[in-house]
Structures are given as structure tokens and as C-alpha cells.
């Protein structure tokens, strides 16, 4: 579970920005709350709203970036290239910093990362002991471009740790050297599911439909749950079939693909359509469920950019409510998403909504429970649409 993320100098966010899942001291009650302990309650859901170009995607992108960096940067990146991210355009010579606090297997941890010119200048992992955090490992780049490394029971020897290249995570490397504790953190961050990368949201295409179909074909229980939800969304579907087919690329290489088909009925008649011929909303719902159902089934974090893309506004509450109840979310999975649907402001509480605005080419974000004078029973959607909360286009 995420507790809090802090970052700075990352894309359009120049100054330090906080994205917190912690509830305030006197929050209004919500079924989207997680009670971790008598002194710590967290949100299961966070919505991000703002004008186009304000920085909504950039606010949630650090979660996807950190997940990739910690899990895959050692084997999944070119050894000769800089880490794939961008500092703020006006602060290219300054470091980019991240700090994420999270709970893994009941223990609270804090991971810190500092990048300069695309290379790691600091990386550390800390564990909460009583009210303080103690380091598990840390590595720092000195003036001679050598890494200084120290560790406490991390299990990764300095002879290897100091040689890890500067565009890879030490956790990612230690995992590939079979360090048990590192593998535990890789498994945690591997449960982050997202539809964005360093360039932004994964744009929808037919390959995404095929990948989603293959996933559901290999996971029967999630296939059944997906079919139940899709048929309940009033999309005109009574069933979904996934068929195996032969494919051939431009070089003549053959492979197997999985193609989804929607089954429709009208009276006693029945017909089938390949999903490529279904509406954009039907296709989007199918791909979205492929991303959030594994998180609901196994626990983790769903990071979804433009969750309402091609979806009717009435569908969004049903999707978000999957995270509310224990029978649909038994492992307390969390979701953070961006959207342009103002009605979400009246579906969630103040402490579950972030607004994003760009001023002087710098993005800033704030949570609605930070707004002085805003009541919990206010019509947040009406106030937002009227411009009273800012974060709307200045047209």
C-alpha cells in the first residue's frame, strides 16, 4: 500500500510535490478508507482532475516510473543510455528527487532516489523502526564518480553493489543476483499496473486488445469476472468469446494470437462481432478491466491515466466501486486515476481528490481537504465547474 509520494523536478513539476494517501485528522467517513492501525488510515482511491496540459499525467507518472525503475531497470534498459525521464525544462541541470513511503508485508518502508543528468546520484531504502526510519542500504556517487555503499542486512555485497551501473536501480540488480530482500520489493512494485510510460499514456490500438484477450484467456477466473462486468455495463453484450488464431508478420514469421469476440442477441437471433468492430467504449472497458482486475484479485496499485476515456460517465462509479467492498477488493488494492468527469467530485470525499493547475509553465497539485473553508457537504462538482476551486481551462 502507498502511504505517500514526494517528488521534484520531474516533467512539468519543478518544485517538491506531495501525493498522499493518508487521511487527515478529522476526515469524513468513507468506504474507500483503509484502517492500517489506530493512528494510520489510508485512501483506497485518489482522483486527479485538471485542465488539459495542466500536468495531471505527470502527477501520477512517478509511480509508474518508480515501479519500472525498481523492477526492470537492471535488465530492461540499455547500459549506455541515461535513465528515461525528463527534468523540468527550466531545471535540466538540477537533480530530480523521489521519495515514496509504502507498506510491504505489514512493514513501513521509505525509498529515496536522486537522479542527475539521467544517472543515479543517490539511492536508499529505509525501514521504519518505532517512530524513526533506519537505513537498509544506501549508495551515493562521490566526486570521483564512484559509488559509496553501506548496508544493514540487505544481503548484497559491496563488491557487486559499487559496480552497478548508474542508470539502474540497486534493488533491481540485487533481485537479479537472487538477494531475497530485494526480490520482496520487486514483487511489491511489480503489483503496480499502469497505462502510462515516459512518453505518456499508452495510446489505444488493436495490439492492446489482443494482449488483453491473451491475458484473460490465460486467467479463467478473471475472464469470468470480466465477462460478468462487461455484460452488466449495458454495452449490448450477452457473452464474450476469445478464440485462438494464426498470425503472420511482414517477414513471414508465424505466431498464435487471441482475438476477442462480442456475442449479441436480439430476440431469438444471435450474432458475433470481433472486438475490432465494437464501439470505442466497449474496447476501452475491456482493456481497462484487464488492468484493474489483476490488482483487485492480488492486491497492488492501479495507476490509470484518463480512466474515463471513451466511457459514459455513468460507468465510472461502477468501476471505482470495485475498490470499495471487501468481496471485490479483498487485498485492499488502491487506485489513482486522472479524468475529465467532474461528477467524480461528488462521488468521492475531499481527501480523495487532487486538483492540478499550471502557472508560469510549472504544475502544482493540491488535495481538496487542504482548501480552507471548503465543507464536506459542499457541491464540489458545481463549485469546480463554476471556477471556485481553480484547475479549469482559462478560456
Protein backbone atom coordinates (compact mmCIF):
# COMPACT_ATOMS: atom_id res chain seq x y z
CA UNK A 1 0.00 0.00 0.00
CA UNK A 2 1.17 3.50 -0.79
CA UNK A 3 1.30 5.99 2.05
CA UNK A 4 2.90 8.98 0.37
CA UNK A 5 4.92 10.05 -2.65
CA UNK A 6 7.11 13.15 -2.86
CA UNK A 7 8.98 14.26 -5.95
CA UNK A 8 10.51 17.32 -7.57
CA UNK A 9 11.94 18.44 -10.91
CA UNK A 10 10.05 15.81 -12.88
CA UNK A 11 8.49 16.87 -16.17
CA UNK A 12 6.20 19.87 -15.56
CA UNK A 13 6.58 19.72 -11.74
CA UNK A 14 9.57 21.86 -10.81
CA UNK A 15 9.03 22.21 -7.06
CA UNK A 16 8.52 19.47 -4.48
CA UNK A 17 5.07 17.96 -4.81
CA UNK A 18 3.33 15.55 -2.46
CA UNK A 19 0.81 12.88 -3.37
CA UNK A 20 -0.54 11.48 -0.12
CA UNK A 21 -2.91 8.60 0.53
CA UNK A 22 -3.01 9.42 4.25
CA UNK A 23 -6.26 10.68 5.70
CA UNK A 24 -6.32 13.93 7.63
CA UNK A 25 -7.00 14.26 11.32
CA UNK A 26 -10.78 14.60 11.01
CA UNK A 27 -11.82 13.16 7.64
CA UNK A 28 -15.41 12.38 6.83
CA UNK A 29 -16.03 8.64 6.83
CA UNK A 30 -15.77 6.75 3.56
CA UNK A 31 -15.99 3.14 2.45
CA UNK A 32 -12.80 3.83 0.46
CA UNK A 33 -10.74 4.05 3.66
CA UNK A 34 -8.14 1.52 4.82
CA UNK A 35 -7.54 1.32 8.56
CA UNK A 36 -3.93 0.20 8.83
CA UNK A 37 -3.63 0.96 12.54
CA UNK A 38 -5.37 3.17 15.14
CA UNK A 39 -3.10 6.02 14.03
CA UNK A 40 -2.89 5.39 10.27
CA UNK A 41 -5.74 5.38 7.75
CA UNK A 42 -5.22 5.40 4.02
CA UNK A 43 -7.28 6.04 0.90
CA UNK A 44 -8.04 3.21 -1.49
CA UNK A 45 -8.82 5.70 -4.24
CA UNK A 46 -7.47 9.04 -5.42
CA UNK A 47 -8.77 11.06 -8.37
CA UNK A 48 -6.78 13.72 -10.22
CA UNK A 49 -8.66 16.45 -12.08
CA UNK A 50 -7.47 19.46 -14.04
CA UNK A 51 -7.38 21.16 -17.41
CA UNK A 52 -5.68 19.68 -20.45
CA UNK A 53 -1.95 20.32 -20.29
CA UNK A 54 -2.04 21.12 -16.57
CA UNK A 55 0.12 18.16 -15.51
CA UNK A 56 -2.38 15.50 -14.41
CA UNK A 57 -0.48 12.71 -16.13
CA UNK A 58 2.83 14.00 -14.77
CA UNK A 59 1.43 13.84 -11.22
CA UNK A 60 0.81 10.08 -11.38
CA UNK A 61 3.70 9.24 -13.73
CA UNK A 62 6.32 8.96 -10.90
CA UNK A 63 4.51 5.86 -9.60
CA UNK A 64 4.81 4.14 -12.96
CA UNK A 65 8.40 5.32 -13.33
CA UNK A 66 9.47 4.05 -9.90
CA UNK A 67 7.75 0.71 -10.49
CA UNK A 68 9.64 0.27 -13.77
CA UNK A 69 12.94 1.52 -12.36
CA UNK A 70 12.92 -0.70 -9.28
CA UNK A 71 11.71 -3.81 -11.11
CA UNK A 72 13.23 -3.65 -14.58
CA UNK A 73 15.99 -1.06 -14.97
CA UNK A 74 18.85 -3.55 -14.48
CA UNK A 75 17.93 -5.87 -17.35
CA UNK A 76 15.32 -3.78 -19.15
CA UNK A 77 17.37 -0.75 -20.17
CA UNK A 78 20.31 -0.01 -22.44
CA UNK A 79 23.52 0.11 -20.36
CA UNK A 80 24.80 3.04 -22.43
CA UNK A 81 21.79 5.35 -22.16
CA UNK A 82 20.59 7.70 -19.45
CA UNK A 83 17.55 6.85 -17.36
CA UNK A 84 14.42 7.61 -19.42
CA UNK A 85 12.76 10.63 -17.81
CA UNK A 86 12.79 14.41 -18.20
CA UNK A 87 13.50 17.07 -15.56
CA UNK A 88 11.62 20.35 -15.78
CA UNK A 89 12.64 22.24 -18.91
CA UNK A 90 13.97 25.16 -16.81
CA UNK A 91 15.89 22.93 -14.37
CA UNK A 92 17.73 20.50 -16.60
CA UNK A 93 20.97 20.89 -14.64
CA UNK A 94 19.36 20.24 -11.26
CA UNK A 95 18.66 16.84 -9.65
CA UNK A 96 15.31 15.06 -9.82
CA UNK A 97 14.24 13.58 -6.48
CA UNK A 98 11.73 10.92 -5.43
CA UNK A 99 10.66 9.65 -2.03
CA UNK A 100 7.96 7.00 -1.69
CA UNK A 101 6.69 5.64 1.62
CA UNK A 102 4.82 2.35 1.44
CA UNK A 103 3.81 -0.77 3.35
CA UNK A 104 5.12 -4.15 2.26
CA UNK A 105 4.11 -7.26 4.21
CA UNK A 106 2.97 -5.19 7.17
CA UNK A 107 6.17 -3.14 7.48
CA UNK A 108 6.57 0.52 6.55
CA UNK A 109 9.45 1.42 4.23
CA UNK A 110 10.78 4.54 2.54
CA UNK A 111 12.65 4.51 -0.74
CA UNK A 112 14.65 7.53 -1.93
CA UNK A 113 16.09 8.16 -5.36
CA UNK A 114 18.00 11.11 -6.76
CA UNK A 115 18.87 11.38 -10.44
CA UNK A 116 21.20 13.89 -12.05
CA UNK A 117 21.55 14.11 -15.82
CA UNK A 118 19.83 10.73 -16.03
CA UNK A 119 22.19 8.95 -13.63
CA UNK A 120 21.71 7.84 -10.02
CA UNK A 121 23.44 10.14 -7.57
CA UNK A 122 21.66 8.72 -4.51
CA UNK A 123 19.54 5.66 -3.81
CA UNK A 124 18.49 4.34 -0.43
CA UNK A 125 15.94 2.14 1.29
CA UNK A 126 14.79 2.63 4.87
CA UNK A 127 12.63 0.65 7.29
CA UNK A 128 10.50 2.21 10.00
CA UNK A 129 11.64 1.21 13.47
CA UNK A 130 9.48 2.70 16.25
CA UNK A 131 8.88 6.31 15.11
CA UNK A 132 12.14 6.56 13.13
CA UNK A 133 13.47 5.09 9.90
CA UNK A 134 16.71 3.10 9.77
CA UNK A 135 18.58 2.55 6.52
CA UNK A 136 18.71 -0.89 4.89
CA UNK A 137 21.12 0.29 2.22
CA UNK A 138 22.31 3.48 0.63
CA UNK A 139 24.60 4.31 -2.27
CA UNK A 140 25.94 7.75 -3.13
CA UNK A 141 28.01 8.96 -6.05
CA UNK A 142 31.16 10.75 -4.90
CA UNK A 143 33.19 13.44 -6.68
CA UNK A 144 35.25 10.80 -8.47
CA UNK A 145 32.10 9.19 -9.93
CA UNK A 146 32.47 6.16 -7.69
CA UNK A 147 29.67 4.79 -5.52
CA UNK A 148 29.95 4.70 -1.74
CA UNK A 149 27.75 1.89 -0.41
CA UNK A 150 26.62 0.79 3.01
CA UNK A 151 24.01 -1.74 4.06
CA UNK A 152 22.40 -3.36 7.10
CA UNK A 153 21.24 -6.94 6.50
CA UNK A 154 20.35 -6.22 2.88
CA UNK A 155 22.47 -9.13 1.73
CA UNK A 156 24.10 -7.55 -1.33
CA UNK A 157 27.91 -7.39 -1.03
CA UNK A 158 29.71 -4.12 -1.63
CA UNK A 159 31.98 -5.74 -4.22
CA UNK A 160 28.94 -6.05 -6.50
CA UNK A 161 26.85 -3.09 -5.33
CA UNK A 162 29.53 -0.48 -6.08
CA UNK A 163 29.79 -1.74 -9.67
CA UNK A 164 26.11 -1.43 -10.54
CA UNK A 165 25.80 1.00 -13.42
CA UNK A 166 24.42 4.47 -12.86
CA UNK A 167 21.18 4.06 -14.85
CA UNK A 168 19.93 1.03 -12.91
CA UNK A 169 18.34 0.51 -9.50
CA UNK A 170 20.35 -1.33 -6.87
CA UNK A 171 17.18 -3.18 -5.89
CA UNK A 172 16.64 -4.31 -9.48
CA UNK A 173 20.24 -5.51 -9.69
CA UNK A 174 20.19 -7.25 -6.30
CA UNK A 175 17.00 -9.06 -7.30
CA UNK A 176 18.77 -10.48 -10.34
CA UNK A 177 21.58 -11.63 -8.06
CA UNK A 178 18.96 -13.53 -6.00
CA UNK A 179 19.02 -11.25 -2.97
CA UNK A 180 15.90 -12.32 -1.10
CA UNK A 181 15.01 -8.95 0.41
CA UNK A 182 15.40 -7.20 -2.95
CA UNK A 183 13.08 -9.75 -4.55
CA UNK A 184 10.45 -8.90 -1.94
CA UNK A 185 10.48 -5.24 -3.04
CA UNK A 186 10.49 -6.12 -6.73
CA UNK A 187 7.39 -8.25 -6.14
CA UNK A 188 5.73 -5.35 -4.35
CA UNK A 189 6.40 -2.80 -7.10
CA UNK A 190 5.58 -5.33 -9.79
CA UNK A 191 2.00 -5.18 -8.49
CA UNK A 192 1.75 -1.60 -9.79
CA UNK A 193 -0.29 -1.75 -13.01
CA UNK A 194 -0.33 1.35 -15.21
CA UNK A 195 -1.21 2.56 -18.70
CA UNK A 196 1.50 5.23 -18.98
CA UNK A 197 5.20 5.33 -19.76
CA UNK A 198 7.83 8.06 -20.05
CA UNK A 199 6.08 9.42 -23.14
CA UNK A 200 2.62 9.48 -21.58
CA UNK A 201 -0.48 7.31 -21.85
CA UNK A 202 -0.31 4.12 -23.89
CA UNK A 203 -2.44 5.02 -26.89
CA UNK A 204 -5.17 2.55 -27.67
CA UNK A 205 -4.63 0.23 -30.65
CA UNK A 206 -5.56 -3.28 -31.74
CA UNK A 207 -2.44 -4.80 -30.19
CA UNK A 208 -3.75 -3.72 -26.78
CA UNK A 209 -6.98 -5.62 -27.44
CA UNK A 210 -5.02 -8.73 -28.41
CA UNK A 211 -2.78 -8.52 -25.35
CA UNK A 212 -5.81 -8.12 -23.09
CA UNK A 213 -7.55 -11.07 -24.76
CA UNK A 214 -4.48 -13.26 -24.26
CA UNK A 215 -4.34 -12.29 -20.60
CA UNK A 216 -7.97 -13.18 -19.97
CA UNK A 217 -7.61 -16.43 -21.92
CA UNK A 218 -4.83 -17.47 -19.51
CA UNK A 219 -6.72 -16.44 -16.34
CA UNK A 220 -10.08 -18.17 -16.24
CA UNK A 221 -11.33 -16.60 -13.02
CA UNK A 222 -10.57 -13.07 -14.20
CA UNK A 223 -12.06 -13.91 -17.60
CA UNK A 224 -15.34 -14.82 -15.91
CA UNK A 225 -15.30 -11.66 -13.79
CA UNK A 226 -14.52 -9.50 -16.83
CA UNK A 227 -17.37 -11.08 -18.80
CA UNK A 228 -19.80 -10.55 -15.93
CA UNK A 229 -18.89 -6.87 -15.67
CA UNK A 230 -18.83 -6.20 -19.41
CA UNK A 231 -22.27 -7.76 -19.86
CA UNK A 232 -23.57 -5.66 -16.97
CA UNK A 233 -22.35 -2.38 -18.47
CA UNK A 234 -25.28 -2.20 -20.94
CA UNK A 235 -22.96 -2.50 -23.94
CA UNK A 236 -25.29 -4.85 -25.79
CA UNK A 237 -23.18 -7.89 -24.94
CA UNK A 238 -24.50 -11.18 -23.62
CA UNK A 239 -21.17 -13.02 -23.69
CA UNK A 240 -17.52 -12.66 -24.73
CA UNK A 241 -15.59 -15.35 -26.54
CA UNK A 242 -11.81 -15.42 -27.02
CA UNK A 243 -10.55 -17.50 -29.94
CA UNK A 244 -7.05 -18.55 -30.89
CA UNK A 245 -5.94 -17.66 -34.41
CA UNK A 246 -2.84 -17.87 -36.60
CA UNK A 247 -0.98 -14.66 -37.45
CA UNK A 248 1.92 -13.81 -39.71
CA UNK A 249 4.11 -10.71 -39.65
CA UNK A 250 5.66 -8.89 -42.60
CA UNK A 251 8.70 -11.17 -42.50
CA UNK A 252 6.58 -14.27 -42.70
CA UNK A 253 7.04 -15.28 -39.07
CA UNK A 254 4.02 -17.15 -37.75
CA UNK A 255 2.55 -16.92 -34.25
CA UNK A 256 -0.60 -17.55 -32.27
CA UNK A 257 -2.83 -14.66 -31.24
CA UNK A 258 -6.02 -14.43 -29.21
CA UNK A 259 -8.93 -12.48 -30.66
CA UNK A 260 -11.91 -11.33 -28.54
CA UNK A 261 -15.44 -11.53 -29.94
CA UNK A 262 -18.59 -9.94 -28.58
CA UNK A 263 -21.73 -12.08 -28.68
CA UNK A 264 -25.02 -10.22 -29.12
CA UNK A 265 -28.63 -11.38 -29.08
CA UNK A 266 -31.85 -9.88 -30.39
CA UNK A 267 -34.92 -11.94 -29.60
CA UNK A 268 -34.10 -15.47 -30.72
CA UNK A 269 -31.33 -14.29 -33.07
CA UNK A 270 -27.64 -14.21 -32.17
CA UNK A 271 -24.63 -12.70 -33.91
CA UNK A 272 -20.92 -12.28 -33.19
CA UNK A 273 -18.62 -9.30 -33.77
CA UNK A 274 -14.83 -9.19 -33.42
CA UNK A 275 -13.92 -6.59 -30.83
CA UNK A 276 -12.18 -4.59 -33.55
CA UNK A 277 -15.72 -3.77 -34.80
CA UNK A 278 -17.16 -2.98 -31.38
CA UNK A 279 -17.51 0.62 -30.18
CA UNK A 280 -14.53 2.51 -28.78
CA UNK A 281 -16.23 2.50 -25.37
CA UNK A 282 -16.61 -1.29 -25.41
CA UNK A 283 -12.98 -1.73 -26.39
CA UNK A 284 -11.80 0.74 -23.73
CA UNK A 285 -13.79 -1.00 -20.98
CA UNK A 286 -12.30 -4.36 -21.99
CA UNK A 287 -8.72 -3.04 -21.83
CA UNK A 288 -9.38 -1.15 -18.58
CA UNK A 289 -10.65 -4.29 -16.85
CA UNK A 290 -7.54 -6.14 -17.95
CA UNK A 291 -5.55 -3.59 -15.93
CA UNK A 292 -7.61 -3.25 -12.77
CA UNK A 293 -8.94 -6.79 -12.25
CA UNK A 294 -5.48 -8.31 -11.52
CA UNK A 295 -4.89 -5.55 -8.95
CA UNK A 296 -8.24 -6.26 -7.29
CA UNK A 297 -7.54 -10.00 -7.34
CA UNK A 298 -3.98 -9.92 -5.97
CA UNK A 299 -3.53 -6.55 -4.32
CA UNK A 300 -1.39 -3.69 -5.58
CA UNK A 301 -1.86 -0.28 -7.12
CA UNK A 302 -3.62 0.68 -10.36
CA UNK A 303 -2.27 3.87 -11.94
CA UNK A 304 -4.67 4.84 -14.71
CA UNK A 305 -4.43 7.91 -16.90
CA UNK A 306 -7.75 9.18 -18.33
CA UNK A 307 -9.82 6.39 -16.85
CA UNK A 308 -12.96 7.85 -18.43
CA UNK A 309 -11.55 7.79 -21.96
CA UNK A 310 -14.42 6.74 -24.30
CA UNK A 311 -16.58 5.67 -21.32
CA UNK A 312 -20.01 7.03 -20.44
CA UNK A 313 -19.89 8.97 -17.12
CA UNK A 314 -22.41 6.54 -15.56
CA UNK A 315 -19.93 3.68 -15.95
CA UNK A 316 -17.20 5.34 -13.89
CA UNK A 317 -18.89 4.96 -10.47
CA UNK A 318 -19.37 1.22 -11.05
CA UNK A 319 -15.69 0.79 -11.90
CA UNK A 320 -14.47 2.81 -8.92
CA UNK A 321 -16.80 0.98 -6.54
CA UNK A 322 -14.99 -2.26 -7.32
CA UNK A 323 -12.30 -0.94 -4.96
CA UNK A 324 -14.78 -0.17 -2.20
CA UNK A 325 -16.01 -3.53 -0.95
CA UNK A 326 -14.14 -6.43 0.61
CA UNK A 327 -15.70 -9.04 -1.67
CA UNK A 328 -14.44 -7.22 -4.78
CA UNK A 329 -11.22 -5.88 -3.23
CA UNK A 330 -10.10 -8.44 -0.63
CA UNK A 331 -6.45 -7.29 -0.52
CA UNK A 332 -7.06 -3.55 -0.07
CA UNK A 333 -5.82 -2.61 -3.54
CA UNK A 334 -5.52 1.10 -4.32
CA UNK A 335 -6.21 3.10 -7.45
CA UNK A 336 -5.17 6.56 -8.55
CA UNK A 337 -6.50 7.93 -11.80
CA UNK A 338 -6.87 11.07 -13.87
CA UNK A 339 -10.13 12.01 -15.53
CA UNK A 340 -12.20 14.83 -17.02
CA UNK A 341 -15.51 13.78 -15.45
CA UNK A 342 -16.49 16.48 -12.91
CA UNK A 343 -19.19 14.23 -11.44
CA UNK A 344 -16.38 12.30 -9.73
CA UNK A 345 -16.11 15.27 -7.37
CA UNK A 346 -19.47 14.33 -5.84
CA UNK A 347 -18.69 10.60 -5.73
CA UNK A 348 -15.59 10.93 -3.58
CA UNK A 349 -14.57 12.83 -0.46
CA UNK A 350 -12.33 15.89 -0.27
CA UNK A 351 -9.36 13.84 0.91
CA UNK A 352 -9.62 11.61 -2.17
CA UNK A 353 -9.41 14.33 -4.84
CA UNK A 354 -6.40 16.20 -6.21
CA UNK A 355 -6.62 19.23 -8.46
CA UNK A 356 -3.78 20.17 -10.82
CA UNK A 357 -3.06 23.54 -12.36
CA UNK A 358 -0.17 25.01 -14.36
CA UNK A 359 1.06 28.53 -13.67
CA UNK A 360 4.13 30.09 -15.33
CA UNK A 361 4.85 26.74 -17.03
CA UNK A 362 5.05 24.92 -13.69
CA UNK A 363 2.46 22.45 -12.47
CA UNK A 364 1.18 22.39 -8.92
CA UNK A 365 -1.22 19.99 -7.20
CA UNK A 366 -3.29 20.17 -4.05
CA UNK A 367 -5.78 17.96 -2.27
CA UNK A 368 -9.24 19.36 -1.71
CA UNK A 369 -9.12 18.88 2.05
CA UNK A 370 -6.29 21.45 2.03
CA UNK A 371 -8.67 24.15 0.76
CA UNK A 372 -9.67 26.41 3.64
CA UNK A 373 -13.40 26.92 4.01
CA UNK A 374 -14.43 24.04 1.77
CA UNK A 375 -17.09 21.98 3.54
CA UNK A 376 -17.53 18.23 3.22
CA UNK A 377 -21.18 18.70 2.23
CA UNK A 378 -20.46 21.31 -0.47
CA UNK A 379 -21.43 20.53 -4.05
CA UNK A 380 -17.84 20.08 -5.19
CA UNK A 381 -18.76 19.47 -8.83
CA UNK A 382 -20.77 22.69 -9.04
CA UNK A 383 -18.02 24.70 -7.34
CA UNK A 384 -15.40 23.27 -9.67
CA UNK A 385 -17.41 23.91 -12.83
CA UNK A 386 -18.04 27.47 -11.65
CA UNK A 387 -14.28 28.02 -11.26
CA UNK A 388 -14.35 28.42 -7.48
CA UNK A 389 -11.74 25.68 -6.99
CA UNK A 390 -9.48 26.68 -9.92
CA UNK A 391 -7.84 23.96 -12.07
CA UNK A 392 -10.12 24.64 -15.04
CA UNK A 393 -9.23 25.93 -18.52
CA UNK A 394 -8.85 29.70 -18.71
CA UNK A 395 -10.86 30.24 -21.89
